[in-house]
Amino acid sequence: MRLFLFAAAAALSTAAAAHTGAGAGGHGHSAFLAGLLHPLAGADHLAAMLAVGMWSALAVRPAWLAPAGFVALLALGAIAGLADLQVPAIEPMLAASLLVLGLLVATRRGLPLVAAVGLVGGFAFFHGTAHGIELAGGAQWPALAGMLLASAGLHLAGLAVGRLVLTRHCWLPRISGAGVALLGATLLARLA
């Protein structure tokens, strides 16, 4: 229950988004720490990564594969962002990822494994690109390593919440997923 309360409190953080444009800056240790904290700085990334873990625990088998695919494509997207690759519609895709992932958690909807990994991987690429753009400048590789480690940790937290709490109470995935979907819908509406 403590883990669920921690995850819920983290998901309700007051930051509107992690896309401040501040960059990681710094060198070595400070850049790693900035990268480590970066995914925790905005509700959109935090909610998406927790939702991937929760959904995986509820509906994806093997449960570790979708989060692993997310982290791999998150890294690829971050490298694209660091290389200043022009990827269209980043912000709308981030918002759409929250809407879709929230609905998947709320409904516990399973997908074929290839579709599940492809879906979260596609969303991860856009999240990674946004992170990469923000991490540009300074010590990029330590910042990227920190960001990937934090992202994997958020997936593990989501998996733990999904296994320990959400599978025992059918109303919790509905509320959690609806909250993530509502955040996505709100972000999409702001972009319109």
N, C-alpha and C. Protein backbone atom coordinates (compact mmCIF):
# COMPACT_ATOMS: atom_id res chain seq x y z
N MET A 1 0.82 -1.19 0.00
CA MET A 1 0.00 0.00 0.00
C MET A 1 0.87 1.26 0.00
N ARG A 2 2.00 1.22 0.71
CA ARG A 2 2.90 2.38 0.73
C ARG A 2 3.41 2.69 -0.67
N LEU A 3 3.74 1.63 -1.42
CA LEU A 3 4.23 1.83 -2.78
C LEU A 3 3.16 2.49 -3.64
N PHE A 4 1.90 2.05 -3.48
CA PHE A 4 0.81 2.66 -4.24
C PHE A 4 0.66 4.13 -3.87
N LEU A 5 0.71 4.45 -2.59
CA LEU A 5 0.57 5.83 -2.15
C LEU A 5 1.72 6.70 -2.68
N PHE A 6 2.93 6.14 -2.68
CA PHE A 6 4.07 6.87 -3.24
C PHE A 6 3.86 7.14 -4.72
N ALA A 7 3.44 6.10 -5.46
CA ALA A 7 3.24 6.26 -6.90
C ALA A 7 2.12 7.26 -7.18
N ALA A 8 1.05 7.21 -6.40
CA ALA A 8 -0.06 8.14 -6.58
C ALA A 8 0.39 9.57 -6.29
N ALA A 9 1.15 9.77 -5.23
CA ALA A 9 1.64 11.10 -4.89
C ALA A 9 2.57 11.62 -5.98
N ALA A 10 3.42 10.74 -6.50
CA ALA A 10 4.35 11.15 -7.55
C ALA A 10 3.58 11.52 -8.82
N ALA A 11 2.55 10.76 -9.14
CA ALA A 11 1.78 11.02 -10.35
C ALA A 11 1.00 12.33 -10.26
N LEU A 12 0.71 12.76 -9.06
CA LEU A 12 -0.03 14.00 -8.86
C LEU A 12 0.88 15.19 -8.62
N SER A 13 2.13 15.07 -9.05
CA SER A 13 3.08 16.17 -8.86
C SER A 13 2.54 17.43 -9.50
N THR A 14 2.98 18.57 -9.01
CA THR A 14 2.43 19.83 -9.49
C THR A 14 3.04 20.29 -10.81
N ALA A 15 4.13 19.66 -11.23
CA ALA A 15 4.73 20.07 -12.49
C ALA A 15 3.80 19.71 -13.65
N ALA A 16 3.63 20.64 -14.57
CA ALA A 16 2.72 20.39 -15.69
C ALA A 16 3.35 19.50 -16.73
N ALA A 17 4.65 19.62 -16.92
CA ALA A 17 5.33 18.81 -17.92
C ALA A 17 6.82 18.89 -17.67
N ALA A 18 7.53 17.90 -18.18
CA ALA A 18 8.98 17.87 -17.99
C ALA A 18 9.69 18.64 -19.08
N HIS A 19 8.97 19.32 -19.93
CA HIS A 19 9.56 19.96 -21.10
C HIS A 19 9.84 21.43 -20.83
N THR A 20 10.80 21.67 -19.96
CA THR A 20 11.12 23.04 -19.60
C THR A 20 12.15 23.65 -20.50
N GLY A 21 12.88 22.82 -21.23
CA GLY A 21 13.92 23.33 -22.09
C GLY A 21 15.18 23.71 -21.34
N ALA A 22 15.27 23.36 -20.08
CA ALA A 22 16.39 23.77 -19.26
C ALA A 22 17.67 23.02 -19.60
N GLY A 23 17.55 21.81 -20.12
CA GLY A 23 18.73 21.01 -20.44
C GLY A 23 19.37 20.44 -19.19
N ALA A 24 20.22 19.47 -19.35
CA ALA A 24 20.88 18.84 -18.21
C ALA A 24 22.11 19.61 -17.81
N GLY A 25 22.79 20.20 -18.78
CA GLY A 25 23.99 20.99 -18.49
C GLY A 25 24.97 20.24 -17.63
N GLY A 26 25.92 20.97 -17.08
CA GLY A 26 26.85 20.38 -16.12
C GLY A 26 27.75 19.33 -16.73
N HIS A 27 28.52 18.70 -15.87
CA HIS A 27 29.46 17.68 -16.30
C HIS A 27 29.34 16.48 -15.39
N GLY A 28 29.65 15.31 -15.92
CA GLY A 28 29.77 14.09 -15.15
C GLY A 28 28.67 13.84 -14.16
N HIS A 29 29.03 13.90 -12.87
CA HIS A 29 28.10 13.54 -11.79
C HIS A 29 26.86 14.42 -11.79
N SER A 30 27.02 15.74 -11.94
CA SER A 30 25.85 16.62 -11.90
C SER A 30 24.94 16.36 -13.10
N ALA A 31 25.51 16.05 -14.25
CA ALA A 31 24.69 15.74 -15.42
C ALA A 31 23.95 14.43 -15.23
N PHE A 32 24.63 13.44 -14.64
CA PHE A 32 23.96 12.16 -14.36
C PHE A 32 22.79 12.39 -13.43
N LEU A 33 22.98 13.18 -12.38
CA LEU A 33 21.92 13.46 -11.43
C LEU A 33 20.77 14.22 -12.10
N ALA A 34 21.11 15.18 -12.95
CA ALA A 34 20.07 15.92 -13.68
C ALA A 34 19.27 14.97 -14.56
N GLY A 35 19.95 14.06 -15.24
CA GLY A 35 19.25 13.07 -16.07
C GLY A 35 18.40 12.14 -15.24
N LEU A 36 18.91 11.76 -14.08
CA LEU A 36 18.18 10.87 -13.18
C LEU A 36 16.89 11.52 -12.68
N LEU A 37 16.95 12.80 -12.42
CA LEU A 37 15.79 13.52 -11.90
C LEU A 37 14.83 13.99 -12.99
N HIS A 38 15.32 14.07 -14.22
CA HIS A 38 14.53 14.63 -15.31
C HIS A 38 13.17 13.94 -15.52
N PRO A 39 13.08 12.61 -15.58
CA PRO A 39 11.77 11.99 -15.78
C PRO A 39 10.80 12.20 -14.61
N LEU A 40 11.31 12.58 -13.46
CA LEU A 40 10.47 12.81 -12.30
C LEU A 40 9.93 14.23 -12.26
N ALA A 41 10.42 15.08 -13.16
CA ALA A 41 10.10 16.51 -13.11
C ALA A 41 8.76 16.86 -13.74
N GLY A 42 8.15 15.96 -14.47
CA GLY A 42 6.88 16.30 -15.11
C GLY A 42 5.88 15.18 -15.03
N ALA A 43 4.65 15.55 -14.83
CA ALA A 43 3.59 14.56 -14.68
C ALA A 43 3.42 13.70 -15.92
N ASP A 44 3.69 14.26 -17.11
CA ASP A 44 3.46 13.47 -18.33
C ASP A 44 4.41 12.28 -18.42
N HIS A 45 5.69 12.49 -18.24
CA HIS A 45 6.64 11.37 -18.32
C HIS A 45 6.45 10.41 -17.15
N LEU A 46 6.26 10.96 -15.99
CA LEU A 46 6.07 10.15 -14.79
C LEU A 46 4.85 9.24 -14.94
N ALA A 47 3.73 9.82 -15.35
CA ALA A 47 2.50 9.04 -15.50
C ALA A 47 2.64 7.99 -16.60
N ALA A 48 3.28 8.35 -17.71
CA ALA A 48 3.42 7.39 -18.82
C ALA A 48 4.26 6.20 -18.40
N MET A 49 5.36 6.45 -17.73
CA MET A 49 6.25 5.34 -17.37
C MET A 49 5.64 4.46 -16.30
N LEU A 50 4.95 5.06 -15.32
CA LEU A 50 4.25 4.25 -14.33
C LEU A 50 3.13 3.45 -14.99
N ALA A 51 2.42 4.07 -15.93
CA ALA A 51 1.31 3.39 -16.61
C ALA A 51 1.81 2.20 -17.44
N VAL A 52 2.96 2.35 -18.10
CA VAL A 52 3.51 1.23 -18.86
C VAL A 52 3.77 0.05 -17.92
N GLY A 53 4.36 0.33 -16.77
CA GLY A 53 4.62 -0.73 -15.80
C GLY A 53 3.33 -1.35 -15.28
N MET A 54 2.36 -0.53 -14.92
CA MET A 54 1.09 -1.05 -14.40
C MET A 54 0.38 -1.89 -15.44
N TRP A 55 0.29 -1.36 -16.65
CA TRP A 55 -0.40 -2.10 -17.71
C TRP A 55 0.31 -3.41 -18.00
N SER A 56 1.62 -3.38 -18.00
CA SER A 56 2.38 -4.60 -18.25
C SER A 56 2.09 -5.65 -17.20
N ALA A 57 2.01 -5.24 -15.94
CA ALA A 57 1.71 -6.18 -14.87
C ALA A 57 0.31 -6.75 -15.01
N LEU A 58 -0.61 -5.95 -15.52
CA LEU A 58 -2.00 -6.36 -15.61
C LEU A 58 -2.33 -7.16 -16.88
N ALA A 59 -1.65 -6.87 -17.99
CA ALA A 59 -2.15 -7.41 -19.25
C ALA A 59 -1.09 -7.89 -20.25
N VAL A 60 0.19 -7.74 -19.96
CA VAL A 60 1.22 -8.11 -20.93
C VAL A 60 2.00 -9.30 -20.39
N ARG A 61 2.20 -10.31 -21.21
CA ARG A 61 2.99 -11.47 -20.80
C ARG A 61 4.05 -11.77 -21.84
N PRO A 62 5.31 -11.84 -21.49
CA PRO A 62 5.86 -11.60 -20.16
C PRO A 62 5.84 -10.11 -19.83
N ALA A 63 5.57 -9.80 -18.58
CA ALA A 63 5.33 -8.43 -18.14
C ALA A 63 6.54 -7.52 -18.33
N TRP A 64 7.73 -8.04 -18.32
CA TRP A 64 8.93 -7.21 -18.43
C TRP A 64 9.21 -6.72 -19.84
N LEU A 65 8.60 -7.35 -20.84
CA LEU A 65 8.97 -7.07 -22.22
C LEU A 65 8.54 -5.67 -22.69
N ALA A 66 7.35 -5.23 -22.36
CA ALA A 66 6.92 -3.90 -22.79
C ALA A 66 7.77 -2.81 -22.14
N PRO A 67 8.04 -2.87 -20.82
CA PRO A 67 8.94 -1.87 -20.24
C PRO A 67 10.34 -1.91 -20.84
N ALA A 68 10.86 -3.09 -21.12
CA ALA A 68 12.19 -3.19 -21.74
C ALA A 68 12.18 -2.55 -23.12
N GLY A 69 11.11 -2.80 -23.90
CA GLY A 69 10.98 -2.17 -25.21
C GLY A 69 10.87 -0.66 -25.09
N PHE A 70 10.16 -0.22 -24.06
CA PHE A 70 10.02 1.23 -23.84
C PHE A 70 11.38 1.86 -23.59
N VAL A 71 12.17 1.27 -22.69
CA VAL A 71 13.48 1.84 -22.36
C VAL A 71 14.40 1.82 -23.59
N ALA A 72 14.36 0.76 -24.37
CA ALA A 72 15.21 0.68 -25.56
C ALA A 72 14.87 1.78 -26.56
N LEU A 73 13.58 1.97 -26.83
CA LEU A 73 13.19 3.00 -27.79
C LEU A 73 13.24 4.39 -27.19
N LEU A 74 13.15 4.50 -25.88
CA LEU A 74 13.38 5.76 -25.20
C LEU A 74 14.82 6.22 -25.46
N ALA A 75 15.75 5.28 -25.34
CA ALA A 75 17.17 5.58 -25.61
C ALA A 75 17.36 6.00 -27.06
N LEU A 76 16.76 5.28 -27.99
CA LEU A 76 16.87 5.61 -29.41
C LEU A 76 16.29 7.00 -29.69
N GLY A 77 15.13 7.28 -29.10
CA GLY A 77 14.52 8.60 -29.28
C GLY A 77 15.37 9.70 -28.67
N ALA A 78 15.96 9.44 -27.51
CA ALA A 78 16.82 10.44 -26.88
C ALA A 78 18.04 10.73 -27.74
N ILE A 79 18.60 9.70 -28.33
CA ILE A 79 19.75 9.90 -29.23
C ILE A 79 19.32 10.73 -30.44
N ALA A 80 18.12 10.48 -30.95
CA ALA A 80 17.60 11.28 -32.06
C ALA A 80 17.44 12.74 -31.63
N GLY A 81 16.94 12.95 -30.42
CA GLY A 81 16.79 14.31 -29.90
C GLY A 81 18.12 15.00 -29.70
N LEU A 82 19.09 14.27 -29.17
CA LEU A 82 20.43 14.82 -28.98
C LEU A 82 21.06 15.19 -30.32
N ALA A 83 20.74 14.42 -31.37
CA ALA A 83 21.27 14.68 -32.71
C ALA A 83 20.47 15.76 -33.44
N ASP A 84 19.47 16.33 -32.76
CA ASP A 84 18.62 17.38 -33.31
C ASP A 84 17.82 16.91 -34.52
N LEU A 85 17.43 15.62 -34.52
CA LEU A 85 16.55 15.10 -35.56
C LEU A 85 15.18 15.75 -35.40
N GLN A 86 14.65 16.26 -36.48
CA GLN A 86 13.36 16.93 -36.45
C GLN A 86 12.23 15.90 -36.50
N VAL A 87 11.64 15.63 -35.36
CA VAL A 87 10.54 14.68 -35.26
C VAL A 87 9.25 15.49 -35.08
N PRO A 88 8.29 15.32 -35.99
CA PRO A 88 7.06 16.11 -35.89
C PRO A 88 6.14 15.61 -34.78
N ALA A 89 5.31 16.49 -34.30
CA ALA A 89 4.20 16.18 -33.39
C ALA A 89 4.63 15.52 -32.08
N ILE A 90 5.75 15.95 -31.52
CA ILE A 90 6.22 15.33 -30.27
C ILE A 90 5.20 15.54 -29.15
N GLU A 91 4.82 16.77 -28.90
CA GLU A 91 3.91 17.04 -27.78
C GLU A 91 2.55 16.35 -27.95
N PRO A 92 1.93 16.39 -29.14
CA PRO A 92 0.67 15.65 -29.28
C PRO A 92 0.83 14.14 -29.05
N MET A 93 1.96 13.58 -29.46
CA MET A 93 2.18 12.14 -29.25
C MET A 93 2.38 11.83 -27.77
N LEU A 94 3.03 12.72 -27.03
CA LEU A 94 3.18 12.51 -25.59
C LEU A 94 1.81 12.50 -24.93
N ALA A 95 0.97 13.45 -25.29
CA ALA A 95 -0.38 13.51 -24.74
C ALA A 95 -1.19 12.28 -25.15
N ALA A 96 -1.08 11.89 -26.41
CA ALA A 96 -1.81 10.70 -26.89
C ALA A 96 -1.34 9.45 -26.16
N SER A 97 -0.05 9.39 -25.85
CA SER A 97 0.46 8.21 -25.13
C SER A 97 -0.21 8.08 -23.77
N LEU A 98 -0.41 9.21 -23.10
CA LEU A 98 -1.08 9.18 -21.80
C LEU A 98 -2.53 8.73 -21.93
N LEU A 99 -3.20 9.26 -22.94
CA LEU A 99 -4.59 8.88 -23.16
C LEU A 99 -4.71 7.38 -23.42
N VAL A 100 -3.91 6.87 -24.32
CA VAL A 100 -3.98 5.45 -24.69
C VAL A 100 -3.53 4.56 -23.53
N LEU A 101 -2.40 4.88 -22.92
CA LEU A 101 -1.91 4.05 -21.82
C LEU A 101 -2.88 4.07 -20.64
N GLY A 102 -3.45 5.24 -20.36
CA GLY A 102 -4.44 5.32 -19.29
C GLY A 102 -5.65 4.44 -19.57
N LEU A 103 -6.12 4.46 -20.80
CA LEU A 103 -7.26 3.60 -21.16
C LEU A 103 -6.90 2.12 -21.08
N LEU A 104 -5.67 1.78 -21.47
CA LEU A 104 -5.23 0.38 -21.37
C LEU A 104 -5.17 -0.08 -19.92
N VAL A 105 -4.69 0.78 -19.03
CA VAL A 105 -4.66 0.43 -17.60
C VAL A 105 -6.09 0.30 -17.08
N ALA A 106 -6.93 1.28 -17.39
CA ALA A 106 -8.30 1.29 -16.87
C ALA A 106 -9.10 0.07 -17.31
N THR A 107 -8.87 -0.38 -18.54
CA THR A 107 -9.64 -1.51 -19.06
C THR A 107 -8.93 -2.85 -18.91
N ARG A 108 -7.63 -2.78 -18.51
CA ARG A 108 -6.80 -3.98 -18.43
C ARG A 108 -6.76 -4.71 -19.77
N ARG A 109 -6.81 -3.94 -20.81
CA ARG A 109 -6.88 -4.48 -22.17
C ARG A 109 -5.55 -5.10 -22.57
N GLY A 110 -5.57 -6.35 -22.92
CA GLY A 110 -4.39 -7.02 -23.42
C GLY A 110 -4.28 -6.87 -24.93
N LEU A 111 -3.07 -6.90 -25.41
CA LEU A 111 -2.79 -6.86 -26.84
C LEU A 111 -1.82 -7.98 -27.16
N PRO A 112 -1.78 -8.42 -28.41
CA PRO A 112 -0.72 -9.37 -28.77
C PRO A 112 0.63 -8.77 -28.42
N LEU A 113 1.57 -9.60 -28.04
CA LEU A 113 2.86 -9.14 -27.54
C LEU A 113 3.56 -8.17 -28.49
N VAL A 114 3.59 -8.49 -29.77
CA VAL A 114 4.25 -7.62 -30.74
C VAL A 114 3.56 -6.26 -30.77
N ALA A 115 2.23 -6.24 -30.74
CA ALA A 115 1.50 -4.97 -30.74
C ALA A 115 1.74 -4.19 -29.46
N ALA A 116 1.79 -4.87 -28.32
CA ALA A 116 2.03 -4.21 -27.04
C ALA A 116 3.40 -3.55 -27.02
N VAL A 117 4.42 -4.29 -27.41
CA VAL A 117 5.78 -3.74 -27.42
C VAL A 117 5.90 -2.64 -28.47
N GLY A 118 5.29 -2.83 -29.64
CA GLY A 118 5.33 -1.80 -30.67
C GLY A 118 4.63 -0.52 -30.24
N LEU A 119 3.51 -0.65 -29.57
CA LEU A 119 2.76 0.52 -29.11
C LEU A 119 3.57 1.32 -28.10
N VAL A 120 4.02 0.66 -27.05
CA VAL A 120 4.78 1.40 -26.04
C VAL A 120 6.13 1.87 -26.59
N GLY A 121 6.72 1.09 -27.49
CA GLY A 121 7.97 1.51 -28.11
C GLY A 121 7.80 2.76 -28.96
N GLY A 122 6.71 2.82 -29.70
CA GLY A 122 6.43 4.02 -30.50
C GLY A 122 6.26 5.24 -29.62
N PHE A 123 5.49 5.11 -28.55
CA PHE A 123 5.33 6.22 -27.62
C PHE A 123 6.67 6.57 -26.98
N ALA A 124 7.46 5.56 -26.64
CA ALA A 124 8.75 5.79 -25.98
C ALA A 124 9.67 6.61 -26.87
N PHE A 125 9.64 6.37 -28.17
CA PHE A 125 10.50 7.12 -29.07
C PHE A 125 10.22 8.61 -28.95
N PHE A 126 8.94 8.99 -28.90
CA PHE A 126 8.58 10.40 -28.77
C PHE A 126 8.99 10.96 -27.40
N HIS A 127 8.77 10.17 -26.33
CA HIS A 127 9.21 10.61 -25.00
C HIS A 127 10.73 10.79 -24.99
N GLY A 128 11.44 9.85 -25.61
CA GLY A 128 12.89 9.93 -25.66
C GLY A 128 13.38 11.13 -26.45
N THR A 129 12.72 11.42 -27.57
CA THR A 129 13.11 12.57 -28.37
C THR A 129 12.94 13.86 -27.57
N ALA A 130 11.82 13.97 -26.85
CA ALA A 130 11.62 15.15 -26.01
C ALA A 130 12.72 15.27 -24.96
N HIS A 131 13.05 14.15 -24.33
CA HIS A 131 14.13 14.16 -23.34
C HIS A 131 15.46 14.54 -23.99
N GLY A 132 15.77 13.95 -25.13
CA GLY A 132 17.04 14.20 -25.81
C GLY A 132 17.22 15.66 -26.17
N ILE A 133 16.15 16.29 -26.65
CA ILE A 133 16.21 17.71 -26.99
C ILE A 133 16.56 18.52 -25.74
N GLU A 134 15.95 18.16 -24.62
CA GLU A 134 16.19 18.89 -23.37
C GLU A 134 17.55 18.60 -22.77
N LEU A 135 18.08 17.42 -23.03
CA LEU A 135 19.38 17.06 -22.47
C LEU A 135 20.54 17.54 -23.32
N ALA A 136 20.26 18.12 -24.48
CA ALA A 136 21.32 18.58 -25.38
C ALA A 136 22.17 19.65 -24.69
N GLY A 137 23.46 19.57 -24.92
CA GLY A 137 24.39 20.50 -24.29
C GLY A 137 24.95 19.89 -23.02
N GLY A 138 26.13 20.28 -22.64
CA GLY A 138 26.72 19.74 -21.42
C GLY A 138 27.14 18.30 -21.58
N ALA A 139 27.16 17.57 -20.50
CA ALA A 139 27.57 16.17 -20.49
C ALA A 139 26.37 15.30 -20.84
N GLN A 140 26.15 15.09 -22.13
CA GLN A 140 24.95 14.42 -22.61
C GLN A 140 24.87 12.95 -22.21
N TRP A 141 25.96 12.22 -22.31
CA TRP A 141 25.89 10.77 -22.07
C TRP A 141 25.64 10.44 -20.60
N PRO A 142 26.26 11.12 -19.65
CA PRO A 142 25.89 10.84 -18.25
C PRO A 142 24.42 11.20 -17.97
N ALA A 143 23.95 12.31 -18.56
CA ALA A 143 22.55 12.70 -18.38
C ALA A 143 21.62 11.65 -18.97
N LEU A 144 21.96 11.14 -20.15
CA LEU A 144 21.15 10.11 -20.79
C LEU A 144 21.12 8.84 -19.94
N ALA A 145 22.28 8.46 -19.40
CA ALA A 145 22.33 7.27 -18.54
C ALA A 145 21.44 7.44 -17.31
N GLY A 146 21.48 8.61 -16.70
CA GLY A 146 20.62 8.87 -15.55
C GLY A 146 19.15 8.82 -15.90
N MET A 147 18.81 9.41 -17.06
CA MET A 147 17.41 9.41 -17.50
C MET A 147 16.90 8.00 -17.76
N LEU A 148 17.74 7.16 -18.38
CA LEU A 148 17.32 5.78 -18.66
C LEU A 148 17.18 4.98 -17.37
N LEU A 149 18.08 5.19 -16.43
CA LEU A 149 17.99 4.50 -15.15
C LEU A 149 16.72 4.89 -14.39
N ALA A 150 16.41 6.17 -14.37
CA ALA A 150 15.18 6.62 -13.70
C ALA A 150 13.94 6.08 -14.39
N SER A 151 13.98 6.04 -15.71
CA SER A 151 12.83 5.52 -16.47
C SER A 151 12.60 4.05 -16.16
N ALA A 152 13.67 3.28 -16.14
CA ALA A 152 13.55 1.86 -15.80
C ALA A 152 13.02 1.70 -14.37
N GLY A 153 13.49 2.54 -13.47
CA GLY A 153 12.99 2.50 -12.09
C GLY A 153 11.50 2.80 -12.00
N LEU A 154 11.04 3.77 -12.80
CA LEU A 154 9.60 4.07 -12.81
C LEU A 154 8.79 2.90 -13.37
N HIS A 155 9.33 2.23 -14.38
CA HIS A 155 8.64 1.05 -14.90
C HIS A 155 8.56 -0.03 -13.83
N LEU A 156 9.64 -0.24 -13.11
CA LEU A 156 9.63 -1.24 -12.03
C LEU A 156 8.63 -0.87 -10.95
N ALA A 157 8.55 0.41 -10.62
CA ALA A 157 7.56 0.85 -9.63
C ALA A 157 6.15 0.58 -10.15
N GLY A 158 5.91 0.87 -11.43
CA GLY A 158 4.60 0.58 -12.01
C GLY A 158 4.28 -0.90 -12.01
N LEU A 159 5.28 -1.73 -12.35
CA LEU A 159 5.08 -3.19 -12.29
C LEU A 159 4.74 -3.63 -10.87
N ALA A 160 5.45 -3.08 -9.89
CA ALA A 160 5.20 -3.46 -8.50
C ALA A 160 3.80 -3.04 -8.06
N VAL A 161 3.40 -1.84 -8.42
CA VAL A 161 2.05 -1.38 -8.08
C VAL A 161 1.02 -2.27 -8.75
N GLY A 162 1.24 -2.57 -10.02
CA GLY A 162 0.31 -3.43 -10.75
C GLY A 162 0.18 -4.80 -10.13
N ARG A 163 1.27 -5.38 -9.70
CA ARG A 163 1.24 -6.72 -9.13
C ARG A 163 0.74 -6.75 -7.70
N LEU A 164 1.16 -5.79 -6.90
CA LEU A 164 0.85 -5.83 -5.48
C LEU A 164 -0.51 -5.25 -5.13
N VAL A 165 -0.93 -4.24 -5.86
CA VAL A 165 -2.14 -3.54 -5.45
C VAL A 165 -3.26 -3.65 -6.48
N LEU A 166 -2.97 -3.28 -7.71
CA LEU A 166 -4.03 -3.15 -8.70
C LEU A 166 -4.70 -4.47 -9.05
N THR A 167 -3.97 -5.57 -8.99
CA THR A 167 -4.57 -6.85 -9.34
C THR A 167 -5.54 -7.32 -8.26
N ARG A 168 -5.46 -6.76 -7.06
CA ARG A 168 -6.34 -7.19 -5.97
C ARG A 168 -7.61 -6.35 -5.85
N HIS A 169 -7.61 -5.19 -6.44
CA HIS A 169 -8.75 -4.28 -6.31
C HIS A 169 -9.14 -3.78 -7.70
N CYS A 170 -10.25 -4.29 -8.22
CA CYS A 170 -10.61 -4.00 -9.61
C CYS A 170 -10.88 -2.52 -9.85
N TRP A 171 -11.22 -1.77 -8.84
CA TRP A 171 -11.52 -0.35 -9.04
C TRP A 171 -10.25 0.50 -9.14
N LEU A 172 -9.15 0.05 -8.58
CA LEU A 172 -7.93 0.86 -8.62
C LEU A 172 -7.36 1.03 -10.04
N PRO A 173 -7.33 -0.01 -10.86
CA PRO A 173 -6.85 0.24 -12.23
C PRO A 173 -7.77 1.20 -12.99
N ARG A 174 -9.06 1.10 -12.73
CA ARG A 174 -9.99 1.99 -13.42
C ARG A 174 -9.74 3.45 -13.05
N ILE A 175 -9.55 3.70 -11.76
CA ILE A 175 -9.30 5.07 -11.31
C ILE A 175 -7.93 5.55 -11.77
N SER A 176 -6.90 4.72 -11.60
CA SER A 176 -5.55 5.10 -12.01
C SER A 176 -5.49 5.35 -13.51
N GLY A 177 -6.03 4.43 -14.28
CA GLY A 177 -6.01 4.58 -15.73
C GLY A 177 -6.81 5.77 -16.20
N ALA A 178 -7.97 5.99 -15.56
CA ALA A 178 -8.78 7.15 -15.93
C ALA A 178 -8.04 8.45 -15.63
N GLY A 179 -7.30 8.48 -14.54
CA GLY A 179 -6.52 9.67 -14.21
C GLY A 179 -5.45 9.95 -15.24
N VAL A 180 -4.74 8.91 -15.67
CA VAL A 180 -3.69 9.07 -16.69
C VAL A 180 -4.33 9.48 -18.02
N ALA A 181 -5.44 8.84 -18.38
CA ALA A 181 -6.13 9.19 -19.63
C ALA A 181 -6.64 10.64 -19.58
N LEU A 182 -7.15 11.06 -18.43
CA LEU A 182 -7.62 12.44 -18.28
C LEU A 182 -6.47 13.43 -18.44
N LEU A 183 -5.32 13.11 -17.87
CA LEU A 183 -4.15 13.96 -18.05
C LEU A 183 -3.80 14.07 -19.53
N GLY A 184 -3.81 12.94 -20.25
CA GLY A 184 -3.53 12.96 -21.68
C GLY A 184 -4.54 13.77 -22.46
N ALA A 185 -5.82 13.59 -22.14
CA ALA A 185 -6.87 14.34 -22.84
C ALA A 185 -6.73 15.84 -22.57
N THR A 186 -6.38 16.20 -21.34
CA THR A 186 -6.19 17.61 -21.00
C THR A 186 -5.02 18.21 -21.77
N LEU A 187 -3.92 17.47 -21.85
CA LEU A 187 -2.76 17.95 -22.60
C LEU A 187 -3.09 18.08 -24.08
N LEU A 188 -3.85 17.12 -24.63
CA LEU A 188 -4.27 17.22 -26.04
C LEU A 188 -5.16 18.43 -26.27
N ALA A 189 -6.08 18.68 -25.34
CA ALA A 189 -6.98 19.82 -25.48
C ALA A 189 -6.20 21.14 -25.44
N ARG A 190 -5.17 21.21 -24.62
CA ARG A 190 -4.35 22.42 -24.54
C ARG A 190 -3.58 22.66 -25.85
N LEU A 191 -3.26 21.59 -26.55
CA LEU A 191 -2.52 21.71 -27.80
C LEU A 191 -3.41 22.11 -28.98
N ALA A 192 -4.71 21.89 -28.80
CA ALA A 192 -5.66 22.14 -29.91
C ALA A 192 -5.90 23.63 -30.11
